[in-house]
N, C-alpha and C. Protein backbone atom coordinates (compact mmCIF):
# COMPACT_ATOMS: atom_id res chain seq x y z
N MET A 1 14.07 65.87 -50.00
CA MET A 1 13.23 66.33 -51.01
C MET A 1 14.06 66.70 -52.26
N SER A 2 15.36 67.12 -51.91
CA SER A 2 16.20 67.59 -52.99
C SER A 2 16.56 66.41 -53.97
N GLN A 3 16.60 65.20 -53.35
CA GLN A 3 17.00 64.09 -54.14
C GLN A 3 16.10 63.89 -55.30
N PRO A 4 14.71 63.79 -55.25
CA PRO A 4 13.97 63.54 -56.52
C PRO A 4 14.32 64.64 -57.54
N SER A 5 14.47 65.91 -57.14
CA SER A 5 14.73 66.95 -58.25
C SER A 5 16.01 66.65 -58.84
N THR A 6 17.03 66.18 -58.01
CA THR A 6 18.32 65.78 -58.57
C THR A 6 18.25 64.72 -59.54
N LEU A 7 17.36 63.72 -59.32
CA LEU A 7 17.13 62.64 -60.17
C LEU A 7 16.53 63.08 -61.49
N VAL A 8 15.60 64.01 -61.44
CA VAL A 8 15.03 64.53 -62.59
C VAL A 8 15.97 65.37 -63.30
N ASN A 9 16.78 66.10 -62.74
CA ASN A 9 17.96 66.90 -63.42
C ASN A 9 18.76 66.01 -64.15
N ILE A 10 19.22 64.96 -63.52
CA ILE A 10 20.08 63.90 -64.17
C ILE A 10 19.52 63.32 -65.33
N LYS A 11 18.18 63.00 -65.34
CA LYS A 11 17.45 62.46 -66.40
C LYS A 11 17.37 63.46 -67.53
N LEU A 12 16.99 64.72 -67.08
CA LEU A 12 16.98 65.84 -68.14
C LEU A 12 18.31 66.06 -68.86
N ILE A 13 19.45 65.99 -68.02
CA ILE A 13 20.70 66.22 -68.62
C ILE A 13 21.06 65.11 -69.61
N ASN A 14 20.78 63.86 -69.10
CA ASN A 14 20.96 62.78 -69.97
C ASN A 14 20.29 62.75 -71.34
N SER A 15 19.02 63.17 -71.31
CA SER A 15 18.19 63.38 -72.44
C SER A 15 18.80 64.43 -73.40
N LEU A 16 19.16 65.57 -72.73
CA LEU A 16 19.78 66.73 -73.49
C LEU A 16 21.10 66.25 -74.17
N ALA A 17 21.84 65.52 -73.50
CA ALA A 17 23.11 65.11 -74.01
C ALA A 17 22.86 64.14 -75.18
N GLN A 18 21.91 63.20 -75.11
CA GLN A 18 21.65 62.35 -76.31
C GLN A 18 21.13 63.13 -77.44
N VAL A 19 20.28 64.18 -77.21
CA VAL A 19 19.85 65.04 -78.27
C VAL A 19 20.95 65.75 -78.91
N ILE A 20 21.89 66.41 -78.07
CA ILE A 20 22.86 67.24 -78.64
C ILE A 20 23.93 66.36 -79.43
N LEU A 21 24.17 65.09 -78.92
CA LEU A 21 25.08 64.15 -79.61
C LEU A 21 24.46 63.65 -80.88
N SER A 22 23.18 63.75 -81.03
CA SER A 22 22.53 63.34 -82.34
C SER A 22 22.57 64.36 -83.35
N LEU A 23 23.00 65.64 -83.00
CA LEU A 23 22.98 66.70 -83.95
C LEU A 23 24.25 66.59 -84.84
N SER A 24 24.18 67.05 -85.96
CA SER A 24 25.28 67.08 -86.92
C SER A 24 26.29 68.14 -86.38
N ASP A 25 27.60 68.04 -86.81
CA ASP A 25 28.63 68.97 -86.39
C ASP A 25 28.22 70.43 -86.48
N GLU A 26 27.61 70.72 -87.72
CA GLU A 26 27.14 72.08 -87.98
C GLU A 26 26.07 72.53 -87.02
N GLU A 27 25.21 71.54 -86.67
CA GLU A 27 24.10 71.97 -85.80
C GLU A 27 24.62 72.05 -84.37
N GLN A 28 25.64 71.29 -83.97
CA GLN A 28 26.24 71.49 -82.61
C GLN A 28 26.92 72.84 -82.52
N THR A 29 27.59 73.19 -83.68
CA THR A 29 28.25 74.48 -83.74
C THR A 29 27.22 75.64 -83.60
N LEU A 30 26.16 75.47 -84.25
CA LEU A 30 25.10 76.57 -84.17
C LEU A 30 24.57 76.72 -82.77
N LEU A 31 24.33 75.39 -82.11
CA LEU A 31 23.87 75.40 -80.76
C LEU A 31 24.82 76.04 -79.81
N GLU A 32 26.16 75.73 -79.96
CA GLU A 32 27.11 76.37 -79.13
C GLU A 32 27.13 77.88 -79.22
N GLN A 33 27.04 78.32 -80.50
CA GLN A 33 26.99 79.78 -80.66
C GLN A 33 25.84 80.42 -80.06
N ARG A 34 24.71 79.73 -80.21
CA ARG A 34 23.47 80.30 -79.57
C ARG A 34 23.55 80.31 -78.00
N ILE A 35 24.20 79.32 -77.45
CA ILE A 35 24.25 79.29 -75.96
C ILE A 35 25.24 80.38 -75.56
N GLN A 36 26.35 80.63 -76.29
CA GLN A 36 27.31 81.66 -75.97
C GLN A 36 26.67 83.04 -76.02
N HIS A 37 25.74 83.21 -77.13
CA HIS A 37 25.05 84.50 -77.29
C HIS A 37 24.09 84.62 -76.10
N LEU A 38 23.32 83.69 -75.64
CA LEU A 38 22.46 83.81 -74.60
C LEU A 38 23.19 84.01 -73.22
N LYS A 39 24.36 83.45 -73.14
CA LYS A 39 25.17 83.69 -71.84
C LYS A 39 25.62 85.11 -71.82
N ALA A 40 25.86 85.75 -72.90
CA ALA A 40 26.34 87.12 -72.94
C ALA A 40 25.22 88.08 -72.68
N MET A 41 24.05 87.66 -72.80
CA MET A 41 22.76 88.48 -72.68
C MET A 41 21.76 87.85 -71.69
N PRO A 42 22.08 87.58 -70.45
CA PRO A 42 21.21 86.87 -69.55
C PRO A 42 19.80 87.54 -69.38
N GLU A 43 19.79 88.83 -69.44
CA GLU A 43 18.58 89.51 -69.22
C GLU A 43 17.68 89.35 -70.41
N ALA A 44 18.17 89.08 -71.59
CA ALA A 44 17.32 88.80 -72.70
C ALA A 44 16.94 87.39 -72.95
N SER A 45 17.61 86.46 -72.28
CA SER A 45 17.38 85.05 -72.40
C SER A 45 16.13 84.58 -71.51
N SER A 46 15.88 85.33 -70.42
CA SER A 46 14.75 84.96 -69.60
C SER A 46 13.89 86.07 -69.31
N PRO A 47 12.67 86.08 -69.85
CA PRO A 47 11.71 87.24 -69.68
C PRO A 47 11.43 87.38 -68.16
N PRO A 48 11.23 88.56 -67.77
CA PRO A 48 10.86 88.76 -66.30
C PRO A 48 9.54 88.04 -65.92
N GLN A 49 9.52 87.46 -64.69
CA GLN A 49 8.42 86.64 -64.25
C GLN A 49 7.40 87.65 -63.67
N PRO A 50 6.09 87.55 -64.07
CA PRO A 50 5.15 88.47 -63.42
C PRO A 50 4.87 88.15 -61.99
N ASP A 51 4.65 89.07 -61.22
CA ASP A 51 4.34 89.01 -59.73
C ASP A 51 2.87 88.76 -59.60
N LEU A 52 2.46 87.35 -59.64
CA LEU A 52 1.00 87.06 -59.68
C LEU A 52 0.38 87.49 -58.26
N ASP A 53 1.13 87.39 -57.27
CA ASP A 53 0.51 87.71 -55.96
C ASP A 53 0.13 89.23 -55.95
N ALA A 54 1.08 89.97 -56.40
CA ALA A 54 0.74 91.46 -56.47
C ALA A 54 -0.42 91.81 -57.45
N PHE A 55 -0.43 91.02 -58.55
CA PHE A 55 -1.52 91.17 -59.51
C PHE A 55 -2.83 90.89 -58.88
N PHE A 56 -2.94 89.78 -58.19
CA PHE A 56 -4.32 89.35 -57.61
C PHE A 56 -4.65 90.35 -56.46
N GLN A 57 -3.68 90.84 -55.67
CA GLN A 57 -3.94 91.74 -54.59
C GLN A 57 -4.45 93.03 -55.23
N ASP A 58 -3.82 93.51 -56.35
CA ASP A 58 -4.37 94.68 -56.96
C ASP A 58 -5.80 94.51 -57.62
N LEU A 59 -6.05 93.29 -58.16
CA LEU A 59 -7.22 92.94 -58.75
C LEU A 59 -8.45 92.98 -57.70
N GLU A 60 -8.11 92.54 -56.50
CA GLU A 60 -9.14 92.49 -55.42
C GLU A 60 -9.46 93.93 -54.98
N THR A 61 -8.46 94.89 -55.08
CA THR A 61 -8.76 96.25 -54.67
C THR A 61 -9.56 97.08 -55.60
N LEU A 62 -9.80 96.58 -56.83
CA LEU A 62 -10.49 97.37 -57.83
C LEU A 62 -11.91 97.39 -57.63
N GLU A 63 -12.58 98.40 -57.99
CA GLU A 63 -14.05 98.60 -58.00
C GLU A 63 -14.60 97.73 -59.03
N PRO A 64 -15.85 97.15 -58.77
CA PRO A 64 -16.40 96.36 -59.80
C PRO A 64 -16.68 97.31 -61.18
N ASP A 65 -16.58 96.63 -62.27
CA ASP A 65 -16.84 97.34 -63.48
C ASP A 65 -18.27 97.43 -63.76
N PRO A 66 -18.81 98.75 -63.88
CA PRO A 66 -20.24 99.02 -64.04
C PRO A 66 -20.66 98.52 -65.43
N ASN A 67 -19.83 98.29 -66.40
CA ASN A 67 -20.13 97.89 -67.73
C ASN A 67 -20.02 96.31 -67.88
N GLN A 68 -19.62 95.63 -66.81
CA GLN A 68 -19.53 94.24 -66.85
C GLN A 68 -20.76 93.53 -67.01
N PRO A 69 -21.04 92.74 -68.06
CA PRO A 69 -22.31 92.09 -68.22
C PRO A 69 -22.55 91.02 -67.22
N SER A 70 -23.77 90.79 -66.85
CA SER A 70 -24.08 89.75 -65.93
C SER A 70 -23.87 88.35 -66.52
N LEU A 71 -23.85 87.42 -65.76
CA LEU A 71 -23.65 86.09 -66.24
C LEU A 71 -24.78 85.64 -67.17
N GLN A 72 -26.03 86.09 -66.86
CA GLN A 72 -27.15 85.78 -67.73
C GLN A 72 -27.04 86.56 -69.14
N GLU A 73 -26.51 87.73 -69.09
CA GLU A 73 -26.29 88.46 -70.39
C GLU A 73 -25.20 87.79 -71.19
N ILE A 74 -24.09 87.32 -70.49
CA ILE A 74 -23.11 86.55 -71.29
C ILE A 74 -23.74 85.32 -71.82
N SER A 75 -24.54 84.59 -70.99
CA SER A 75 -25.12 83.34 -71.44
C SER A 75 -25.94 83.55 -72.69
N LYS A 76 -26.71 84.68 -72.73
CA LYS A 76 -27.63 85.04 -73.84
C LYS A 76 -26.81 85.23 -75.07
N VAL A 77 -25.76 86.03 -75.02
CA VAL A 77 -24.86 86.30 -76.13
C VAL A 77 -24.32 84.94 -76.71
N VAL A 78 -23.81 84.08 -75.75
CA VAL A 78 -23.22 82.81 -76.25
C VAL A 78 -24.35 81.97 -76.96
N GLN A 79 -25.52 81.92 -76.40
CA GLN A 79 -26.63 81.27 -77.01
C GLN A 79 -26.94 81.74 -78.35
N ASP A 80 -26.99 83.15 -78.43
CA ASP A 80 -27.27 83.67 -79.72
C ASP A 80 -26.22 83.52 -80.85
N VAL A 81 -24.88 83.57 -80.44
CA VAL A 81 -23.86 83.23 -81.35
C VAL A 81 -24.00 81.71 -81.76
N ARG A 82 -24.16 80.86 -80.89
CA ARG A 82 -24.24 79.40 -81.25
C ARG A 82 -25.43 79.25 -82.12
N HIS A 83 -26.55 79.94 -81.90
CA HIS A 83 -27.74 79.69 -82.72
C HIS A 83 -27.34 80.23 -84.26
N GLU A 84 -26.67 81.36 -84.31
CA GLU A 84 -26.36 81.95 -85.61
C GLU A 84 -25.36 80.97 -86.30
N LEU A 85 -24.51 80.33 -85.57
CA LEU A 85 -23.46 79.46 -86.16
C LEU A 85 -24.17 78.23 -86.72
N TRP A 86 -25.12 77.73 -85.97
CA TRP A 86 -25.75 76.33 -86.29
C TRP A 86 -26.70 76.66 -87.42
N ILE A 87 -27.31 77.86 -87.54
CA ILE A 87 -28.34 78.12 -88.59
C ILE A 87 -27.58 78.38 -89.90
N ASP A 88 -26.56 79.06 -89.80
CA ASP A 88 -25.79 79.46 -91.06
C ASP A 88 -24.98 78.38 -91.64
């Protein structure tokens, strides 16, 4: 299974190389500076990934919102808004 991902990475690298080589010297220099800057600050280059499993687990433990409109109420609001938009 690692072979297909390797093939994809090779294709990606080849595509990136073609793009980089198509840049002007000035653009390549700017790209190199940007890469060096990002390497120096790895925590800033990739935002933290949310823990979706924990989020959904917490969500399941919450009490129902007493102010949550019913589906019928939501449908009525949508119908009213659509009616207003079509009339005006």
